[in-house]
Amino acid sequence: MEHPQSELAALWAEVLKSETPEGDADFFECGGTSLTAVHLAALIQERFHVSIDAIEVVTGRKLSVLSELLGERLAAAS
């Protein structure tokens, strides 16, 4: 998987029960909370088999930042 942003965006939309976000979307401005950050982190681990902690969702906030982090984790895992 070269660039996981579209799949991450789909998970984000599922967690927030919203439309699929764009690259600069902010998790908290889109309605995210600490609880939904935990849920998103769990779905990321389930779907991609790599770990992104809820704190990384909270501090990363933007879809583009989280996508980049996910890409790095996937590259390191392969």
Foldseek 3Di string as FASTA:
>chain_A
DQFCLQVLQVLLCVLLVHDRDDQFAFSVVSPDDLVSLQVSQVVCCVPLVFGDHSVNCVVQRGSNSVRVVSNVRSVVVD
